[in-house]
Amino acid sequence: MSTTKHYPQTYSILVQNLPGALTKIAQLIYRRGKNIDTLTVGKTHLPNLSKILISVDMDPRMAEQVRRQIENQLEVEYVHLLDRSSCLVTETCLLRVKIEGHESRESMLGHAHPFRPKVRLIDPDTMVLEVAATPEIIDAFVTTMEHFCIVDVSRTGMTAMPKTQSMMYLSDNPKDHSSEAVIEEDVMTPTKRADQ
């Protein structure tokens, strides 16, 4: 029986759209000997800024050290360690499964029903289902579908947002107006300096 402790950490990082920004952030994690579990990058409502969500298994002390290193990167506007229990967390999965006749299709859909999938494509031999849910539910969905013949799986990786308003910027440059930001500390993971 494994006694390994797991510390799932989630970084929410706002970065300038500059070449190499993501590589620098990823290297800070790899240098600690850690693998990134999921990584998503997308545009935001702020011009020239993107948000990166990184999920990694790392103990809290190391996670805070890495957070400060990320924060010191020139391209980074802000970085937070999110408390998953206070966040909306979701992931999207596309799963293609082989079907053989009407009975096979009905049986497969019956097993998939608890996960509320969308049927995205049906062809003579396969069906593609889409499920949007937490990573844990996606894991259960894929495991359930293993009773059938899975042809392919594509997962987007996790994305997250605090359930309450965590930060509102009054300009397009968060660093220049950090004093004007409204921060709800209760939705972020508490952080401490190493010398405290």
C-alpha atoms as a PDB file:
ATOM      1  CA  MET A   1       0.000   0.000   0.000  1.00  0.00           C
ATOM      2  CA  SER A   2       1.458   3.352  -1.068  1.00  0.00           C
ATOM      3  CA  THR A   3       2.030   5.964   1.642  1.00  0.00           C
ATOM      4  CA  THR A   4       2.999   8.721  -0.786  1.00  0.00           C
ATOM      5  CA  LYS A   5       1.280  11.996   0.059  1.00  0.00           C
ATOM      6  CA  HIS A   6      -0.169  14.035  -2.767  1.00  0.00           C
ATOM      7  CA  TYR A   7      -0.326  17.823  -2.737  1.00  0.00           C
ATOM      8  CA  PRO A   8      -2.206  18.969  -5.849  1.00  0.00           C
ATOM      9  CA  GLN A   9      -1.354  22.622  -6.472  1.00  0.00           C
ATOM     10  CA  THR A  10      -2.961  24.950  -8.988  1.00  0.00           C
ATOM     11  CA  TYR A  11      -1.243  28.108 -10.243  1.00  0.00           C
ATOM     12  CA  SER A  12      -3.261  30.859 -11.912  1.00  0.00           C
ATOM     13  CA  ILE A  13      -0.847  33.100 -13.807  1.00  0.00           C
ATOM     14  CA  LEU A  14      -1.519  36.223 -15.852  1.00  0.00           C
ATOM     15  CA  VAL A  15       1.279  36.783 -18.372  1.00  0.00           C
ATOM     16  CA  GLN A  16       2.175  39.131 -21.181  1.00  0.00           C
ATOM     17  CA  ASN A  17       1.983  37.564 -24.632  1.00  0.00           C
ATOM     18  CA  LEU A  18       5.741  37.448 -25.158  1.00  0.00           C
ATOM     19  CA  PRO A  19       7.780  34.640 -26.751  1.00  0.00           C
ATOM     20  CA  GLY A  20       9.280  32.255 -24.199  1.00  0.00           C
ATOM     21  CA  ALA A  21       7.086  33.276 -21.249  1.00  0.00           C
ATOM     22  CA  LEU A  22       5.512  29.833 -20.879  1.00  0.00           C
ATOM     23  CA  THR A  23       8.852  28.060 -21.303  1.00  0.00           C
ATOM     24  CA  LYS A  24      10.426  30.054 -18.464  1.00  0.00           C
ATOM     25  CA  ILE A  25       7.554  29.236 -16.121  1.00  0.00           C
ATOM     26  CA  ALA A  26       7.579  25.531 -16.992  1.00  0.00           C
ATOM     27  CA  GLN A  27      11.347  25.340 -16.437  1.00  0.00           C
ATOM     28  CA  LEU A  28      10.957  26.676 -12.889  1.00  0.00           C
ATOM     29  CA  ILE A  29       8.777  23.653 -12.139  1.00  0.00           C
ATOM     30  CA  TYR A  30      10.915  21.116 -14.013  1.00  0.00           C
ATOM     31  CA  ARG A  31      14.020  22.268 -12.126  1.00  0.00           C
ATOM     32  CA  ARG A  32      12.313  21.081  -8.943  1.00  0.00           C
ATOM     33  CA  GLY A  33      12.033  17.608 -10.425  1.00  0.00           C
ATOM     34  CA  LYS A  34       8.262  17.890 -10.847  1.00  0.00           C
ATOM     35  CA  ASN A  35       6.071  17.028 -13.800  1.00  0.00           C
ATOM     36  CA  ILE A  36       3.186  19.271 -14.807  1.00  0.00           C
ATOM     37  CA  ASP A  37      -0.085  17.342 -14.591  1.00  0.00           C
ATOM     38  CA  THR A  38      -2.142  19.738 -16.722  1.00  0.00           C
ATOM     39  CA  LEU A  39      -1.427  23.048 -18.401  1.00  0.00           C
ATOM     40  CA  THR A  40      -3.889  25.347 -20.160  1.00  0.00           C
ATOM     41  CA  VAL A  41      -3.283  28.715 -21.791  1.00  0.00           C
ATOM     42  CA  GLY A  42      -5.894  31.095 -23.133  1.00  0.00           C
ATOM     43  CA  LYS A  43      -6.541  34.709 -24.009  1.00  0.00           C
ATOM     44  CA  THR A  44      -8.243  36.989 -21.483  1.00  0.00           C
ATOM     45  CA  HIS A  45     -10.411  40.086 -21.758  1.00  0.00           C
ATOM     46  CA  LEU A  46      -7.263  42.155 -21.232  1.00  0.00           C
ATOM     47  CA  PRO A  47      -5.332  43.061 -24.425  1.00  0.00           C
ATOM     48  CA  ASN A  48      -1.961  41.329 -24.866  1.00  0.00           C
ATOM     49  CA  LEU A  49      -2.426  39.218 -21.714  1.00  0.00           C
ATOM     50  CA  SER A  50      -3.077  35.501 -21.352  1.00  0.00           C
ATOM     51  CA  LYS A  51      -3.922  33.315 -18.389  1.00  0.00           C
ATOM     52  CA  ILE A  52      -2.010  30.123 -17.655  1.00  0.00           C
ATOM     53  CA  LEU A  53      -3.436  27.422 -15.376  1.00  0.00           C
ATOM     54  CA  ILE A  54      -0.891  24.866 -14.175  1.00  0.00           C
ATOM     55  CA  SER A  55      -1.671  21.825 -12.041  1.00  0.00           C
ATOM     56  CA  VAL A  56       1.254  20.071 -10.365  1.00  0.00           C
ATOM     57  CA  ASP A  57       1.807  17.687  -7.446  1.00  0.00           C
ATOM     58  CA  MET A  58       4.070  19.622  -5.065  1.00  0.00           C
ATOM     59  CA  ASP A  59       4.231  20.096  -1.298  1.00  0.00           C
ATOM     60  CA  PRO A  60       3.013  23.500  -0.010  1.00  0.00           C
ATOM     61  CA  ARG A  61       6.445  24.837   0.954  1.00  0.00           C
ATOM     62  CA  MET A  62       7.954  24.088  -2.460  1.00  0.00           C
ATOM     63  CA  ALA A  63       4.815  25.398  -4.170  1.00  0.00           C
ATOM     64  CA  GLU A  64       5.184  28.762  -2.435  1.00  0.00           C
ATOM     65  CA  GLN A  65       8.878  28.968  -3.353  1.00  0.00           C
ATOM     66  CA  VAL A  66       8.023  28.320  -6.995  1.00  0.00           C
ATOM     67  CA  ARG A  67       5.187  30.856  -6.825  1.00  0.00           C
ATOM     68  CA  ARG A  68       7.621  33.582  -5.786  1.00  0.00           C
ATOM     69  CA  GLN A  69      10.054  32.597  -8.535  1.00  0.00           C
ATOM     70  CA  ILE A  70       7.262  32.771 -11.111  1.00  0.00           C
ATOM     71  CA  GLU A  71       6.162  36.139  -9.730  1.00  0.00           C
ATOM     72  CA  ASN A  72       9.663  37.518 -10.308  1.00  0.00           C
ATOM     73  CA  GLN A  73       9.551  36.782 -14.041  1.00  0.00           C
ATOM     74  CA  LEU A  74       9.409  39.947 -16.128  1.00  0.00           C
ATOM     75  CA  GLU A  75       6.511  38.688 -18.261  1.00  0.00           C
ATOM     76  CA  VAL A  76       4.317  37.755 -15.282  1.00  0.00           C
ATOM     77  CA  GLU A  77       1.664  40.230 -14.119  1.00  0.00           C
ATOM     78  CA  TYR A  78       0.419  38.156 -11.205  1.00  0.00           C
ATOM     79  CA  VAL A  79       0.428  34.579  -9.922  1.00  0.00           C
ATOM     80  CA  HIS A  80      -1.821  32.952  -7.320  1.00  0.00           C
ATOM     81  CA  LEU A  81      -2.008  29.522  -5.758  1.00  0.00           C
ATOM     82  CA  LEU A  82      -5.692  28.664  -5.956  1.00  0.00           C
ATOM     83  CA  ASP A  83      -7.628  26.849  -3.254  1.00  0.00           C
ATOM     84  CA  ARG A  84      -9.494  24.257  -5.313  1.00  0.00           C
ATOM     85  CA  SER A  85     -12.250  23.913  -2.730  1.00  0.00           C
ATOM     86  CA  SER A  86     -13.127  27.581  -3.331  1.00  0.00           C
ATOM     87  CA  CYS A  87     -12.924  27.406  -7.123  1.00  0.00           C
ATOM     88  CA  LEU A  88     -15.003  26.359 -10.070  1.00  0.00           C
ATOM     89  CA  VAL A  89     -12.902  23.642 -11.695  1.00  0.00           C
ATOM     90  CA  THR A  90     -13.633  22.052 -15.045  1.00  0.00           C
ATOM     91  CA  GLU A  91     -12.101  20.066 -17.866  1.00  0.00           C
ATOM     92  CA  THR A  92     -13.435  18.925 -21.241  1.00  0.00           C
ATOM     93  CA  CYS A  93     -12.937  15.435 -22.634  1.00  0.00           C
ATOM     94  CA  LEU A  94     -13.612  14.107 -26.128  1.00  0.00           C
ATOM     95  CA  LEU A  95     -13.779  10.316 -26.217  1.00  0.00           C
ATOM     96  CA  ARG A  96     -14.189   8.162 -29.322  1.00  0.00           C
ATOM     97  CA  VAL A  97     -15.510   4.666 -28.695  1.00  0.00           C
ATOM     98  CA  LYS A  98     -16.069   1.813 -31.136  1.00  0.00           C
ATOM     99  CA  ILE A  99     -19.664   0.677 -31.580  1.00  0.00           C
ATOM    100  CA  GLU A 100     -20.935  -2.547 -33.103  1.00  0.00           C
ATOM    101  CA  GLY A 101     -24.616  -2.372 -33.878  1.00  0.00           C
ATOM    102  CA  HIS A 102     -27.612  -0.781 -32.163  1.00  0.00           C
ATOM    103  CA  GLU A 103     -27.402  -2.819 -28.948  1.00  0.00           C
ATOM    104  CA  SER A 104     -23.748  -1.933 -28.447  1.00  0.00           C
ATOM    105  CA  ARG A 105     -24.529   1.762 -28.885  1.00  0.00           C
ATOM    106  CA  GLU A 106     -27.435   1.693 -26.442  1.00  0.00           C
ATOM    107  CA  SER A 107     -25.389  -0.161 -23.830  1.00  0.00           C
ATOM    108  CA  MET A 108     -22.519   2.304 -24.157  1.00  0.00           C
ATOM    109  CA  LEU A 109     -24.845   5.304 -23.865  1.00  0.00           C
ATOM    110  CA  GLY A 110     -26.462   3.743 -20.803  1.00  0.00           C
ATOM    111  CA  HIS A 111     -23.098   3.479 -19.044  1.00  0.00           C
ATOM    112  CA  ALA A 112     -22.169   7.023 -20.089  1.00  0.00           C
ATOM    113  CA  HIS A 113     -25.508   8.566 -19.043  1.00  0.00           C
ATOM    114  CA  PRO A 114     -24.501   9.490 -15.428  1.00  0.00           C
ATOM    115  CA  PHE A 115     -21.782  11.731 -16.882  1.00  0.00           C
ATOM    116  CA  ARG A 116     -24.276  13.627 -19.087  1.00  0.00           C
ATOM    117  CA  PRO A 117     -22.248  13.399 -22.286  1.00  0.00           C
ATOM    118  CA  LYS A 118     -22.955  15.259 -25.499  1.00  0.00           C
ATOM    119  CA  VAL A 119     -22.918  13.109 -28.609  1.00  0.00           C
ATOM    120  CA  ARG A 120     -20.666  15.048 -30.960  1.00  0.00           C
ATOM    121  CA  LEU A 121     -20.298  12.600 -33.833  1.00  0.00           C
ATOM    122  CA  ILE A 122     -21.682   9.262 -34.973  1.00  0.00           C
ATOM    123  CA  ASP A 123     -20.261   7.326 -37.898  1.00  0.00           C
ATOM    124  CA  PRO A 124     -20.813   3.701 -38.949  1.00  0.00           C
ATOM    125  CA  ASP A 125     -18.145   2.329 -36.574  1.00  0.00           C
ATOM    126  CA  THR A 126     -17.553   4.863 -33.778  1.00  0.00           C
ATOM    127  CA  MET A 127     -19.160   7.529 -31.643  1.00  0.00           C
ATOM    128  CA  VAL A 128     -17.569  10.632 -30.122  1.00  0.00           C
ATOM    129  CA  LEU A 129     -18.800  11.796 -26.720  1.00  0.00           C
ATOM    130  CA  GLU A 130     -17.989  15.069 -24.969  1.00  0.00           C
ATOM    131  CA  VAL A 131     -18.045  15.534 -21.202  1.00  0.00           C
ATOM    132  CA  ALA A 132     -17.277  18.749 -19.315  1.00  0.00           C
ATOM    133  CA  ALA A 133     -16.736  18.213 -15.592  1.00  0.00           C
ATOM    134  CA  THR A 134     -14.098  18.154 -12.870  1.00  0.00           C
ATOM    135  CA  PRO A 135     -10.899  16.194 -13.609  1.00  0.00           C
ATOM    136  CA  GLU A 136     -11.996  13.538 -11.097  1.00  0.00           C
ATOM    137  CA  ILE A 137     -15.301  13.005 -12.895  1.00  0.00           C
ATOM    138  CA  ILE A 138     -13.494  12.893 -16.241  1.00  0.00           C
ATOM    139  CA  ASP A 139     -11.214  10.182 -14.818  1.00  0.00           C
ATOM    140  CA  ALA A 140     -14.286   8.184 -13.764  1.00  0.00           C
ATOM    141  CA  PHE A 141     -15.880   8.677 -17.186  1.00  0.00           C
ATOM    142  CA  VAL A 142     -12.823   7.352 -19.015  1.00  0.00           C
ATOM    143  CA  THR A 143     -12.587   4.393 -16.601  1.00  0.00           C
ATOM    144  CA  THR A 144     -16.251   3.563 -17.201  1.00  0.00           C
ATOM    145  CA  MET A 145     -15.806   3.686 -20.962  1.00  0.00           C
ATOM    146  CA  GLU A 146     -12.921   1.209 -20.708  1.00  0.00           C
ATOM    147  CA  HIS A 147     -15.610  -1.481 -20.566  1.00  0.00           C
ATOM    148  CA  PHE A 148     -16.004  -0.733 -24.267  1.00  0.00           C
ATOM    149  CA  CYS A 149     -13.428  -0.287 -27.008  1.00  0.00           C
ATOM    150  CA  ILE A 150     -11.939   3.210 -26.653  1.00  0.00           C
ATOM    151  CA  VAL A 151     -10.367   4.382 -29.893  1.00  0.00           C
ATOM    152  CA  ASP A 152      -9.091   7.812 -28.822  1.00  0.00           C
ATOM    153  CA  VAL A 153      -9.247  10.292 -25.918  1.00  0.00           C
ATOM    154  CA  SER A 154      -8.456  14.018 -25.932  1.00  0.00           C
ATOM    155  CA  ARG A 155      -8.550  16.067 -22.707  1.00  0.00           C
ATOM    156  CA  THR A 156      -8.143  19.823 -22.498  1.00  0.00           C
ATOM    157  CA  GLY A 157      -6.568  19.919 -19.059  1.00  0.00           C
ATOM    158  CA  MET A 158      -7.978  21.715 -16.056  1.00  0.00           C
ATOM    159  CA  THR A 159      -9.124  25.297 -15.922  1.00  0.00           C
ATOM    160  CA  ALA A 160     -10.368  27.089 -12.808  1.00  0.00           C
ATOM    161  CA  MET A 161     -11.847  30.316 -11.466  1.00  0.00           C
ATOM    162  CA  PRO A 162     -12.582  31.376  -7.862  1.00  0.00           C
ATOM    163  CA  LYS A 163     -16.266  31.114  -6.904  1.00  0.00           C
ATOM    164  CA  THR A 164     -16.204  34.700  -5.639  1.00  0.00           C
ATOM    165  CA  GLN A 165     -14.636  37.729  -7.296  1.00  0.00           C
ATOM    166  CA  SER A 166     -10.951  37.326  -6.528  1.00  0.00           C
ATOM    167  CA  MET A 167      -9.472  40.221  -8.450  1.00  0.00           C
ATOM    168  CA  MET A 168     -10.746  43.113 -10.538  1.00  0.00           C
ATOM    169  CA  TYR A 169      -8.412  45.361 -12.458  1.00  0.00           C
ATOM    170  CA  LEU A 170      -9.298  48.943 -13.206  1.00  0.00           C
ATOM    171  CA  SER A 171      -6.885  49.190 -16.108  1.00  0.00           C
ATOM    172  CA  ASP A 172      -5.217  46.981 -18.690  1.00  0.00           C
ATOM    173  CA  ASN A 173      -1.969  46.947 -16.721  1.00  0.00           C
ATOM    174  CA  PRO A 174      -2.418  45.078 -13.413  1.00  0.00           C
ATOM    175  CA  LYS A 175       1.115  45.729 -12.163  1.00  0.00           C
ATOM    176  CA  ASP A 176       0.720  49.499 -12.489  1.00  0.00           C
ATOM    177  CA  HIS A 177      -2.531  49.479 -10.512  1.00  0.00           C
ATOM    178  CA  SER A 178      -2.019  46.765  -7.937  1.00  0.00           C
ATOM    179  CA  SER A 179      -3.198  49.094  -5.173  1.00  0.00           C
ATOM    180  CA  GLU A 180      -6.548  49.449  -6.934  1.00  0.00           C
ATOM    181  CA  ALA A 181      -7.167  45.711  -7.160  1.00  0.00           C
ATOM    182  CA  VAL A 182      -9.898  44.206  -5.024  1.00  0.00           C
ATOM    183  CA  ILE A 183      -8.672  40.954  -3.505  1.00  0.00           C
ATOM    184  CA  GLU A 184     -10.726  38.374  -1.631  1.00  0.00           C
ATOM    185  CA  GLU A 185      -8.054  36.554   0.380  1.00  0.00           C
ATOM    186  CA  ASP A 186     -10.442  33.804   1.479  1.00  0.00           C
ATOM    187  CA  VAL A 187     -10.387  32.187  -1.968  1.00  0.00           C
ATOM    188  CA  MET A 188      -6.611  31.995  -2.271  1.00  0.00           C
ATOM    189  CA  THR A 189      -4.228  29.574  -0.626  1.00  0.00           C
ATOM    190  CA  PRO A 190      -2.507  31.316   2.327  1.00  0.00           C
ATOM    191  CA  THR A 191       1.151  31.959   1.715  1.00  0.00           C
ATOM    192  CA  LYS A 192       4.012  32.550   4.162  1.00  0.00           C
ATOM    193  CA  ARG A 193       7.536  33.767   3.784  1.00  0.00           C
ATOM    194  CA  ALA A 194      10.202  31.148   4.401  1.00  0.00           C
ATOM    195  CA  ASP A 195      11.745  33.283   7.155  1.00  0.00           C
ATOM    196  CA  GLN A 196       8.516  33.549   9.180  1.00  0.00           C
END
